Amino acid sequence: MTQFDVIVLTDHRYLNDSNEPYKHNVFYEDSLVLKALEAEGLIVDRKAWDDASFDWSTTKSVMFRSTWDYFDRFDEFSKWLNKVKTQTTLINSEQLIRWNIDKHYLLDLNKNGIHIPETKFLEVGTSDSLQKLHEELGWTDTVLKPCVSGAARHTYKLNSENLEEHETIFSELIQSEAMMLQPFQHKIVSEGEISMMVFNGQYTHAILKQAKAGDFRVQDDFGGSIYEYLPTAAEIEFAEQVVKACPEMPLYARVDVFTDNTDQLAVSEVELIEPELWFRKHPEAANVLAKAVKEASFI
């Protein structure tokens, strides 16, 4: 039986190459990671995380890369995590994954000196209406989203004209999951959001995400565009400080930042589980990640 050093994790939808540009990009970027790991002399393969036929104890580590169905299958994914953590080493660690799944981690970052946007966390069972919350907070234009989410799932832009029509969906969601309410960040629309990749504490490259005209969501799922970006020294320092503020140093991270309504650099999210890392825009960064894996204690 083959003994692997690293299994790169995806979900079943992206196991094979495709003519669809989105799926091809996933396959191509994972391939860059595989080739970089192989160039370091490591024995690697790529599997869907829910592959029931694979013996996870036959690999020293597993690297989460494109497991993008986890938030739709969270209970199943969580049970799988509990099992596989006893059989191999997770990259990033289970501690970081559990911490990063829930956006309450922003509070931890803030306690460690990282600036975050104004945020009201709404816990499960909250009985307040959206109307009451907006009146109490004094906010008009806002964004509502779940604390455990991805790809802008159940993300709504709210204002005084549409609050009433969102009351029903909010009252349904808050019965089963925590939500977060934030003032609408106007500069994400006008300037975009910067994603900076940081491997083992070292900044490698960045891209700028911008929403399509008339939208506020920068994800390409909603027509957002990406551009190569050269961050300032201050932006790079901020991203590296964000990573240092995590419970432990992640082997890889994507730090998304923007200029908030107070003209301060703020972190919108830190992706430590399965972030898109845009290796297709900066292929040599895959080598930096591979070297960090090779030097890790578990290999």
C-alpha atoms as a PDB file:
ATOM      1  CA  MET A   1       0.000   0.000   0.000  1.00  0.00           C
ATOM      2  CA  THR A   2       1.334   3.423  -1.000  1.00  0.00           C
ATOM      3  CA  GLN A   3       2.293   5.692   1.870  1.00  0.00           C
ATOM      4  CA  PHE A   4       1.628   9.327   1.031  1.00  0.00           C
ATOM      5  CA  ASP A   5       3.156  12.481   2.406  1.00  0.00           C
ATOM      6  CA  VAL A   6       0.291  14.771   1.380  1.00  0.00           C
ATOM      7  CA  ILE A   7      -3.214  14.258   0.048  1.00  0.00           C
ATOM      8  CA  VAL A   8      -4.612  17.433  -1.501  1.00  0.00           C
ATOM      9  CA  LEU A   9      -8.320  17.632  -0.690  1.00  0.00           C
ATOM     10  CA  THR A  10     -11.079  18.698  -3.036  1.00  0.00           C
ATOM     11  CA  ASP A  11     -14.761  17.880  -3.330  1.00  0.00           C
ATOM     12  CA  HIS A  12     -16.149  15.404  -5.839  1.00  0.00           C
ATOM     13  CA  ARG A  13     -17.298  18.108  -8.272  1.00  0.00           C
ATOM     14  CA  TYR A  14     -13.716  19.139  -9.016  1.00  0.00           C
ATOM     15  CA  LEU A  15     -11.939  15.796  -9.196  1.00  0.00           C
ATOM     16  CA  ASN A  16     -11.617  15.945 -12.980  1.00  0.00           C
ATOM     17  CA  ASP A  17     -10.682  18.694 -15.398  1.00  0.00           C
ATOM     18  CA  SER A  18     -13.516  20.438 -17.199  1.00  0.00           C
ATOM     19  CA  ASN A  19     -14.208  22.756 -20.111  1.00  0.00           C
ATOM     20  CA  GLU A  20     -16.117  24.946 -17.690  1.00  0.00           C
ATOM     21  CA  PRO A  21     -13.700  27.803 -16.833  1.00  0.00           C
ATOM     22  CA  TYR A  22     -14.559  27.784 -13.101  1.00  0.00           C
ATOM     23  CA  LYS A  23     -14.021  24.046 -12.664  1.00  0.00           C
ATOM     24  CA  HIS A  24     -10.916  24.145 -14.851  1.00  0.00           C
ATOM     25  CA  ASN A  25      -9.386  26.859 -12.659  1.00  0.00           C
ATOM     26  CA  VAL A  26      -9.927  24.713  -9.565  1.00  0.00           C
ATOM     27  CA  PHE A  27      -8.348  21.672 -11.218  1.00  0.00           C
ATOM     28  CA  TYR A  28      -5.454  23.720 -12.618  1.00  0.00           C
ATOM     29  CA  GLU A  29      -4.603  25.432  -9.346  1.00  0.00           C
ATOM     30  CA  ASP A  30      -4.727  22.169  -7.420  1.00  0.00           C
ATOM     31  CA  SER A  31      -2.446  20.697 -10.080  1.00  0.00           C
ATOM     32  CA  LEU A  32       0.067  23.503  -9.492  1.00  0.00           C
ATOM     33  CA  VAL A  33       0.104  22.617  -5.793  1.00  0.00           C
ATOM     34  CA  LEU A  34       0.537  18.909  -6.537  1.00  0.00           C
ATOM     35  CA  LYS A  35       3.450  19.572  -8.918  1.00  0.00           C
ATOM     36  CA  ALA A  36       5.126  21.899  -6.410  1.00  0.00           C
ATOM     37  CA  LEU A  37       4.832  19.279  -3.671  1.00  0.00           C
ATOM     38  CA  GLU A  38       6.208  16.594  -5.987  1.00  0.00           C
ATOM     39  CA  ALA A  39       9.141  18.878  -6.852  1.00  0.00           C
ATOM     40  CA  GLU A  40       9.975  18.824  -3.135  1.00  0.00           C
ATOM     41  CA  GLY A  41      10.260  15.042  -3.343  1.00  0.00           C
ATOM     42  CA  LEU A  42       6.941  14.371  -1.616  1.00  0.00           C
ATOM     43  CA  ILE A  43       4.549  11.545  -2.471  1.00  0.00           C
ATOM     44  CA  VAL A  44       1.181  13.129  -3.146  1.00  0.00           C
ATOM     45  CA  ASP A  45      -2.276  12.535  -4.544  1.00  0.00           C
ATOM     46  CA  ARG A  46      -5.599  14.370  -4.761  1.00  0.00           C
ATOM     47  CA  LYS A  47      -8.841  13.048  -3.293  1.00  0.00           C
ATOM     48  CA  ALA A  48     -12.350  14.193  -2.475  1.00  0.00           C
ATOM     49  CA  TRP A  49     -12.620  14.659   1.293  1.00  0.00           C
ATOM     50  CA  ASP A  50     -15.649  12.350   1.413  1.00  0.00           C
ATOM     51  CA  ASP A  51     -13.924   9.481  -0.429  1.00  0.00           C
ATOM     52  CA  ALA A  52     -15.092   6.577   1.735  1.00  0.00           C
ATOM     53  CA  SER A  53     -12.797   4.113  -0.037  1.00  0.00           C
ATOM     54  CA  PHE A  54      -9.549   5.856   0.958  1.00  0.00           C
ATOM     55  CA  ASP A  55      -7.631   4.921   4.104  1.00  0.00           C
ATOM     56  CA  TRP A  56      -6.671   8.291   5.574  1.00  0.00           C
ATOM     57  CA  SER A  57      -4.121   6.677   7.870  1.00  0.00           C
ATOM     58  CA  THR A  58      -1.957   5.983   4.802  1.00  0.00           C
ATOM     59  CA  THR A  59      -0.979   9.651   4.448  1.00  0.00           C
ATOM     60  CA  LYS A  60       1.105  11.797   6.777  1.00  0.00           C
ATOM     61  CA  SER A  61      -1.040  14.835   6.084  1.00  0.00           C
ATOM     62  CA  VAL A  62      -4.041  16.174   4.202  1.00  0.00           C
ATOM     63  CA  MET A  63      -4.204  19.690   2.774  1.00  0.00           C
ATOM     64  CA  PHE A  64      -7.585  21.346   2.412  1.00  0.00           C
ATOM     65  CA  ARG A  65      -7.657  23.052  -0.954  1.00  0.00           C
ATOM     66  CA  SER A  66     -11.046  23.037  -2.693  1.00  0.00           C
ATOM     67  CA  THR A  67     -13.460  21.349  -0.291  1.00  0.00           C
ATOM     68  CA  TRP A  68     -16.101  23.889  -1.241  1.00  0.00           C
ATOM     69  CA  ASP A  69     -19.135  21.829  -0.337  1.00  0.00           C
ATOM     70  CA  TYR A  70     -18.281  21.683   3.379  1.00  0.00           C
ATOM     71  CA  PHE A  71     -20.624  24.505   4.436  1.00  0.00           C
ATOM     72  CA  ASP A  72     -23.541  22.849   2.637  1.00  0.00           C
ATOM     73  CA  ARG A  73     -22.726  19.518   4.330  1.00  0.00           C
ATOM     74  CA  PHE A  74     -21.448  20.889   7.598  1.00  0.00           C
ATOM     75  CA  ASP A  75     -22.661  18.125   9.938  1.00  0.00           C
ATOM     76  CA  GLU A  76     -21.194  15.439   7.678  1.00  0.00           C
ATOM     77  CA  PHE A  77     -17.965  17.400   7.282  1.00  0.00           C
ATOM     78  CA  SER A  78     -17.663  17.912  11.038  1.00  0.00           C
ATOM     79  CA  LYS A  79     -18.076  14.198  11.734  1.00  0.00           C
ATOM     80  CA  TRP A  80     -15.472  13.418   9.077  1.00  0.00           C
ATOM     81  CA  LEU A  81     -13.078  15.900  10.688  1.00  0.00           C
ATOM     82  CA  ASN A  82     -13.499  14.220  14.063  1.00  0.00           C
ATOM     83  CA  LYS A  83     -12.556  10.900  12.517  1.00  0.00           C
ATOM     84  CA  VAL A  84      -9.721  11.895  10.196  1.00  0.00           C
ATOM     85  CA  LYS A  85      -7.935  14.069  12.776  1.00  0.00           C
ATOM     86  CA  THR A  86      -7.064  10.864  14.635  1.00  0.00           C
ATOM     87  CA  GLN A  87      -5.584   9.273  11.508  1.00  0.00           C
ATOM     88  CA  THR A  88      -3.404  11.977   9.974  1.00  0.00           C
ATOM     89  CA  THR A  89      -2.230  15.605  10.266  1.00  0.00           C
ATOM     90  CA  LEU A  90      -4.541  18.318   8.977  1.00  0.00           C
ATOM     91  CA  ILE A  91      -3.236  21.343   7.049  1.00  0.00           C
ATOM     92  CA  ASN A  92      -4.345  23.719   8.449  1.00  0.00           C
ATOM     93  CA  SER A  93      -4.867  22.147  11.858  1.00  0.00           C
ATOM     94  CA  GLU A  94      -8.249  21.106  13.187  1.00  0.00           C
ATOM     95  CA  GLN A  95      -7.966  23.813  15.857  1.00  0.00           C
ATOM     96  CA  LEU A  96      -7.614  26.493  13.186  1.00  0.00           C
ATOM     97  CA  ILE A  97     -10.350  24.977  11.036  1.00  0.00           C
ATOM     98  CA  ARG A  98     -12.843  24.883  13.901  1.00  0.00           C
ATOM     99  CA  TRP A  99     -11.909  28.436  14.886  1.00  0.00           C
ATOM    100  CA  ASN A 100     -12.100  29.742  11.323  1.00  0.00           C
ATOM    101  CA  ILE A 101     -15.420  28.146  10.379  1.00  0.00           C
ATOM    102  CA  ASP A 102     -17.375  30.577  12.551  1.00  0.00           C
ATOM    103  CA  LYS A 103     -17.062  34.332  11.922  1.00  0.00           C
ATOM    104  CA  HIS A 104     -17.024  34.936  15.674  1.00  0.00           C
ATOM    105  CA  TYR A 105     -13.262  34.581  15.174  1.00  0.00           C
ATOM    106  CA  LEU A 106     -13.319  38.244  14.164  1.00  0.00           C
ATOM    107  CA  LEU A 107     -13.857  39.084  17.839  1.00  0.00           C
ATOM    108  CA  ASP A 108     -10.695  37.161  18.732  1.00  0.00           C
ATOM    109  CA  LEU A 109      -8.707  39.025  16.099  1.00  0.00           C
ATOM    110  CA  ASN A 110     -10.049  42.311  17.411  1.00  0.00           C
ATOM    111  CA  LYS A 111      -9.005  41.411  20.959  1.00  0.00           C
ATOM    112  CA  ASN A 112      -5.518  40.781  19.555  1.00  0.00           C
ATOM    113  CA  GLY A 113      -5.307  44.273  18.104  1.00  0.00           C
ATOM    114  CA  ILE A 114      -6.663  43.745  14.589  1.00  0.00           C
ATOM    115  CA  HIS A 115      -9.134  46.303  13.265  1.00  0.00           C
ATOM    116  CA  ILE A 116     -12.440  44.811  12.112  1.00  0.00           C
ATOM    117  CA  PRO A 117     -15.532  46.572  10.758  1.00  0.00           C
ATOM    118  CA  GLU A 118     -18.373  47.423  13.109  1.00  0.00           C
ATOM    119  CA  THR A 119     -20.267  44.164  13.673  1.00  0.00           C
ATOM    120  CA  LYS A 120     -23.322  43.108  15.669  1.00  0.00           C
ATOM    121  CA  PHE A 121     -23.352  39.358  16.284  1.00  0.00           C
ATOM    122  CA  LEU A 122     -26.861  37.930  16.509  1.00  0.00           C
ATOM    123  CA  GLU A 123     -27.002  34.653  18.380  1.00  0.00           C
ATOM    124  CA  VAL A 124     -29.367  31.747  17.735  1.00  0.00           C
ATOM    125  CA  GLY A 125     -32.850  32.463  19.055  1.00  0.00           C
ATOM    126  CA  THR A 126     -32.538  36.259  19.015  1.00  0.00           C
ATOM    127  CA  SER A 127     -36.086  37.603  19.070  1.00  0.00           C
ATOM    128  CA  ASP A 128     -35.388  41.160  17.932  1.00  0.00           C
ATOM    129  CA  SER A 129     -36.660  42.115  14.505  1.00  0.00           C
ATOM    130  CA  LEU A 130     -34.443  43.641  11.850  1.00  0.00           C
ATOM    131  CA  GLN A 131     -36.389  46.866  12.246  1.00  0.00           C
ATOM    132  CA  LYS A 132     -35.681  47.010  15.996  1.00  0.00           C
ATOM    133  CA  LEU A 133     -32.002  46.142  15.528  1.00  0.00           C
ATOM    134  CA  HIS A 134     -31.500  48.902  12.972  1.00  0.00           C
ATOM    135  CA  GLU A 135     -33.265  51.426  15.190  1.00  0.00           C
ATOM    136  CA  GLU A 136     -31.165  50.474  18.227  1.00  0.00           C
ATOM    137  CA  LEU A 137     -27.879  50.492  16.321  1.00  0.00           C
ATOM    138  CA  GLY A 138     -28.660  53.633  14.355  1.00  0.00           C
ATOM    139  CA  TRP A 139     -27.653  51.938  11.115  1.00  0.00           C
ATOM    140  CA  THR A 140     -29.457  52.397   7.799  1.00  0.00           C
ATOM    141  CA  ASP A 141     -27.642  50.560   4.999  1.00  0.00           C
ATOM    142  CA  THR A 142     -26.375  47.197   6.272  1.00  0.00           C
ATOM    143  CA  VAL A 143     -25.346  43.689   5.265  1.00  0.00           C
ATOM    144  CA  LEU A 144     -26.751  40.604   6.992  1.00  0.00           C
ATOM    145  CA  LYS A 145     -24.979  37.242   6.697  1.00  0.00           C
ATOM    146  CA  PRO A 146     -24.554  33.954   8.573  1.00  0.00           C
ATOM    147  CA  CYS A 147     -21.614  33.382  10.911  1.00  0.00           C
ATOM    148  CA  VAL A 148     -20.967  30.052   9.177  1.00  0.00           C
ATOM    149  CA  SER A 149     -21.130  30.563   5.441  1.00  0.00           C
ATOM    150  CA  GLY A 150     -19.351  30.750   2.133  1.00  0.00           C
ATOM    151  CA  ALA A 151     -19.896  32.032  -1.407  1.00  0.00           C
ATOM    152  CA  ALA A 152     -22.176  34.778  -0.016  1.00  0.00           C
ATOM    153  CA  ARG A 153     -24.829  32.266   1.114  1.00  0.00           C
ATOM    154  CA  HIS A 154     -27.798  34.095   2.669  1.00  0.00           C
ATOM    155  CA  THR A 155     -26.019  37.430   2.369  1.00  0.00           C
ATOM    156  CA  TYR A 156     -28.453  40.334   2.086  1.00  0.00           C
ATOM    157  CA  LYS A 157     -28.023  44.063   1.597  1.00  0.00           C
ATOM    158  CA  LEU A 158     -30.581  45.815   3.746  1.00  0.00           C
ATOM    159  CA  ASN A 159     -31.987  49.328   3.968  1.00  0.00           C
ATOM    160  CA  SER A 160     -35.112  51.042   5.253  1.00  0.00           C
ATOM    161  CA  GLU A 161     -37.013  50.178   2.091  1.00  0.00           C
ATOM    162  CA  ASN A 162     -36.460  46.404   2.157  1.00  0.00           C
ATOM    163  CA  LEU A 163     -36.232  45.548   5.865  1.00  0.00           C
ATOM    164  CA  GLU A 164     -39.813  44.334   6.064  1.00  0.00           C
ATOM    165  CA  GLU A 165     -39.456  41.887   3.171  1.00  0.00           C
ATOM    166  CA  HIS A 166     -36.410  40.287   4.847  1.00  0.00           C
ATOM    167  CA  GLU A 167     -37.989  39.866   8.291  1.00  0.00           C
ATOM    168  CA  THR A 168     -39.374  36.404   7.493  1.00  0.00           C
ATOM    169  CA  ILE A 169     -36.134  34.902   6.191  1.00  0.00           C
ATOM    170  CA  PHE A 170     -34.217  36.447   9.091  1.00  0.00           C
ATOM    171  CA  SER A 171     -36.626  35.057  11.699  1.00  0.00           C
ATOM    172  CA  GLU A 172     -36.299  31.611  10.095  1.00  0.00           C
ATOM    173  CA  LEU A 173     -32.493  31.664   9.851  1.00  0.00           C
ATOM    174  CA  ILE A 174     -31.868  32.963  13.375  1.00  0.00           C
ATOM    175  CA  GLN A 175     -33.687  29.971  14.854  1.00  0.00           C
ATOM    176  CA  SER A 176     -30.945  27.626  13.673  1.00  0.00           C
ATOM    177  CA  GLU A 177     -27.804  29.685  13.033  1.00  0.00           C
ATOM    178  CA  ALA A 178     -26.040  32.775  14.340  1.00  0.00           C
ATOM    179  CA  MET A 179     -25.975  35.795  12.045  1.00  0.00           C
ATOM    180  CA  MET A 180     -23.967  38.990  11.840  1.00  0.00           C
ATOM    181  CA  LEU A 181     -25.068  42.484  10.913  1.00  0.00           C
ATOM    182  CA  GLN A 182     -22.616  45.102   9.657  1.00  0.00           C
ATOM    183  CA  PRO A 183     -22.902  48.625   8.256  1.00  0.00           C
ATOM    184  CA  PHE A 184     -22.693  48.519   4.477  1.00  0.00           C
ATOM    185  CA  GLN A 185     -19.088  49.198   3.500  1.00  0.00           C
ATOM    186  CA  HIS A 186     -19.261  51.653   0.623  1.00  0.00           C
ATOM    187  CA  LYS A 187     -15.596  51.447  -0.338  1.00  0.00           C
ATOM    188  CA  ILE A 188     -15.816  47.727  -1.063  1.00  0.00           C
ATOM    189  CA  VAL A 189     -18.027  48.781  -3.971  1.00  0.00           C
ATOM    190  CA  SER A 190     -16.000  51.807  -5.055  1.00  0.00           C
ATOM    191  CA  GLU A 191     -12.492  50.447  -4.416  1.00  0.00           C
ATOM    192  CA  GLY A 192     -12.886  46.667  -4.087  1.00  0.00           C
ATOM    193  CA  GLU A 193     -11.510  44.143  -1.626  1.00  0.00           C
ATOM    194  CA  ILE A 194      -7.862  43.049  -1.473  1.00  0.00           C
ATOM    195  CA  SER A 195      -6.986  39.390  -0.968  1.00  0.00           C
ATOM    196  CA  MET A 196      -3.438  38.778   0.253  1.00  0.00           C
ATOM    197  CA  MET A 197      -1.921  35.304   0.395  1.00  0.00           C
ATOM    198  CA  VAL A 198       0.332  34.535   3.363  1.00  0.00           C
ATOM    199  CA  PHE A 199       2.196  31.209   3.581  1.00  0.00           C
ATOM    200  CA  ASN A 200       3.799  30.276   6.896  1.00  0.00           C
ATOM    201  CA  GLY A 201       3.676  33.940   7.873  1.00  0.00           C
ATOM    202  CA  GLN A 202       5.203  35.202   4.606  1.00  0.00           C
ATOM    203  CA  TYR A 203       3.232  37.365   2.156  1.00  0.00           C
ATOM    204  CA  THR A 204       3.494  36.085  -1.426  1.00  0.00           C
ATOM    205  CA  HIS A 205       0.961  37.783  -3.694  1.00  0.00           C
ATOM    206  CA  ALA A 206      -2.340  39.621  -3.842  1.00  0.00           C
ATOM    207  CA  ILE A 207      -5.347  40.172  -6.036  1.00  0.00           C
ATOM    208  CA  LEU A 208      -8.061  42.818  -6.083  1.00  0.00           C
ATOM    209  CA  LYS A 209     -11.690  41.707  -6.176  1.00  0.00           C
ATOM    210  CA  GLN A 210     -14.349  44.054  -7.495  1.00  0.00           C
ATOM    211  CA  ALA A 211     -18.095  43.594  -7.722  1.00  0.00           C
ATOM    212  CA  LYS A 212     -19.906  43.906 -11.023  1.00  0.00           C
ATOM    213  CA  ALA A 213     -21.855  47.091 -11.656  1.00  0.00           C
ATOM    214  CA  GLY A 214     -24.946  47.273  -9.486  1.00  0.00           C
ATOM    215  CA  ASP A 215     -23.838  44.550  -7.056  1.00  0.00           C
ATOM    216  CA  PHE A 216     -21.921  44.565  -3.771  1.00  0.00           C
ATOM    217  CA  ARG A 217     -20.674  40.954  -3.684  1.00  0.00           C
ATOM    218  CA  VAL A 218     -17.136  40.566  -4.991  1.00  0.00           C
ATOM    219  CA  GLN A 219     -17.282  36.762  -5.387  1.00  0.00           C
ATOM    220  CA  ASP A 220     -16.990  35.522  -8.951  1.00  0.00           C
ATOM    221  CA  ASP A 221     -20.132  33.469  -8.277  1.00  0.00           C
ATOM    222  CA  PHE A 222     -21.966  36.788  -8.592  1.00  0.00           C
ATOM    223  CA  GLY A 223     -20.061  38.238 -11.515  1.00  0.00           C
ATOM    224  CA  GLY A 224     -17.199  39.773  -9.564  1.00  0.00           C
ATOM    225  CA  SER A 225     -13.863  40.357 -11.285  1.00  0.00           C
ATOM    226  CA  ILE A 226     -10.299  39.867 -10.096  1.00  0.00           C
ATOM    227  CA  TYR A 227      -7.163  41.800 -10.992  1.00  0.00           C
ATOM    228  CA  GLU A 228      -3.522  41.453 -10.104  1.00  0.00           C
ATOM    229  CA  TYR A 229      -2.648  43.850  -7.327  1.00  0.00           C
ATOM    230  CA  LEU A 230       0.510  45.227  -5.750  1.00  0.00           C
ATOM    231  CA  PRO A 231      -0.276  46.027  -2.109  1.00  0.00           C
ATOM    232  CA  THR A 232       1.395  48.783  -0.163  1.00  0.00           C
ATOM    233  CA  ALA A 233       3.910  48.001   2.553  1.00  0.00           C
ATOM    234  CA  ALA A 234       1.261  48.950   5.115  1.00  0.00           C
ATOM    235  CA  GLU A 235      -1.240  46.532   3.584  1.00  0.00           C
ATOM    236  CA  ILE A 236       1.301  43.690   3.595  1.00  0.00           C
ATOM    237  CA  GLU A 237       2.243  44.410   7.209  1.00  0.00           C
ATOM    238  CA  PHE A 238      -1.422  44.426   8.174  1.00  0.00           C
ATOM    239  CA  ALA A 239      -2.036  41.028   6.511  1.00  0.00           C
ATOM    240  CA  GLU A 240       0.969  39.481   8.233  1.00  0.00           C
ATOM    241  CA  GLN A 241      -0.161  40.898  11.570  1.00  0.00           C
ATOM    242  CA  VAL A 242      -3.593  39.368  11.041  1.00  0.00           C
ATOM    243  CA  VAL A 243      -2.011  35.944  10.563  1.00  0.00           C
ATOM    244  CA  LYS A 244       0.103  36.385  13.695  1.00  0.00           C
ATOM    245  CA  ALA A 245      -3.075  37.179  15.635  1.00  0.00           C
ATOM    246  CA  CYS A 246      -4.535  33.742  14.863  1.00  0.00           C
ATOM    247  CA  PRO A 247      -4.494  31.074  17.635  1.00  0.00           C
ATOM    248  CA  GLU A 248      -1.505  29.449  15.909  1.00  0.00           C
ATOM    249  CA  MET A 249       0.510  30.188  12.788  1.00  0.00           C
ATOM    250  CA  PRO A 250      -1.367  28.788   9.787  1.00  0.00           C
ATOM    251  CA  LEU A 251       0.631  27.150   7.023  1.00  0.00           C
ATOM    252  CA  TYR A 252      -1.474  29.022   4.505  1.00  0.00           C
ATOM    253  CA  ALA A 253      -3.928  31.887   4.789  1.00  0.00           C
ATOM    254  CA  ARG A 254      -5.809  34.325   2.654  1.00  0.00           C
ATOM    255  CA  VAL A 255      -6.406  37.667   4.328  1.00  0.00           C
ATOM    256  CA  ASP A 256      -9.181  39.791   2.826  1.00  0.00           C
ATOM    257  CA  VAL A 257      -8.987  43.480   3.670  1.00  0.00           C
ATOM    258  CA  PHE A 258     -10.669  46.720   2.659  1.00  0.00           C
ATOM    259  CA  THR A 259     -10.847  50.375   3.631  1.00  0.00           C
ATOM    260  CA  ASP A 260     -13.846  50.754   5.930  1.00  0.00           C
ATOM    261  CA  ASN A 261     -16.280  53.624   6.355  1.00  0.00           C
ATOM    262  CA  THR A 262     -13.880  55.292   8.813  1.00  0.00           C
ATOM    263  CA  ASP A 263     -11.029  55.167   6.243  1.00  0.00           C
ATOM    264  CA  GLN A 264      -9.170  52.502   8.232  1.00  0.00           C
ATOM    265  CA  LEU A 265      -7.789  49.252   6.864  1.00  0.00           C
ATOM    266  CA  ALA A 266     -10.016  46.465   8.168  1.00  0.00           C
ATOM    267  CA  VAL A 267     -10.084  42.700   7.822  1.00  0.00           C
ATOM    268  CA  SER A 268     -13.268  41.346   6.289  1.00  0.00           C
ATOM    269  CA  GLU A 269     -12.276  37.712   6.725  1.00  0.00           C
ATOM    270  CA  VAL A 270      -9.364  35.334   7.103  1.00  0.00           C
ATOM    271  CA  GLU A 271      -9.657  32.119   5.086  1.00  0.00           C
ATOM    272  CA  LEU A 272      -7.769  29.224   6.679  1.00  0.00           C
ATOM    273  CA  ILE A 273      -9.838  26.225   5.607  1.00  0.00           C
ATOM    274  CA  GLU A 274     -10.071  26.017   1.827  1.00  0.00           C
ATOM    275  CA  PRO A 275      -9.325  29.480   0.451  1.00  0.00           C
ATOM    276  CA  GLU A 276      -9.054  30.216  -3.235  1.00  0.00           C
ATOM    277  CA  LEU A 277      -5.403  31.298  -3.483  1.00  0.00           C
ATOM    278  CA  TRP A 278      -5.177  32.375  -7.134  1.00  0.00           C
ATOM    279  CA  PHE A 279      -2.066  30.390  -7.929  1.00  0.00           C
ATOM    280  CA  ARG A 280      -2.997  30.854 -11.592  1.00  0.00           C
ATOM    281  CA  LYS A 281      -2.069  34.524 -11.165  1.00  0.00           C
ATOM    282  CA  HIS A 282       1.177  33.759  -9.313  1.00  0.00           C
ATOM    283  CA  PRO A 283       2.212  30.111  -9.948  1.00  0.00           C
ATOM    284  CA  GLU A 284       5.542  30.434  -8.145  1.00  0.00           C
ATOM    285  CA  ALA A 285       3.665  30.932  -4.856  1.00  0.00           C
ATOM    286  CA  ALA A 286       2.778  27.246  -4.979  1.00  0.00           C
ATOM    287  CA  ASN A 287       6.494  26.548  -4.522  1.00  0.00           C
ATOM    288  CA  VAL A 288       6.560  28.678  -1.359  1.00  0.00           C
ATOM    289  CA  LEU A 289       3.662  26.672   0.049  1.00  0.00           C
ATOM    290  CA  ALA A 290       5.263  23.363  -0.929  1.00  0.00           C
ATOM    291  CA  LYS A 291       8.550  24.286   0.760  1.00  0.00           C
ATOM    292  CA  ALA A 292       6.656  25.212   3.939  1.00  0.00           C
ATOM    293  CA  VAL A 293       4.977  21.795   3.901  1.00  0.00           C
ATOM    294  CA  LYS A 294       8.268  20.015   3.276  1.00  0.00           C
ATOM    295  CA  GLU A 295       9.843  21.807   6.259  1.00  0.00           C
ATOM    296  CA  ALA A 296       6.938  21.061   8.573  1.00  0.00           C
ATOM    297  CA  SER A 297       7.535  18.693  11.460  1.00  0.00           C
ATOM    298  CA  PHE A 298       4.953  16.148  10.325  1.00  0.00           C
ATOM    299  CA  ILE A 299       6.676  15.325   6.998  1.00  0.00           C
END
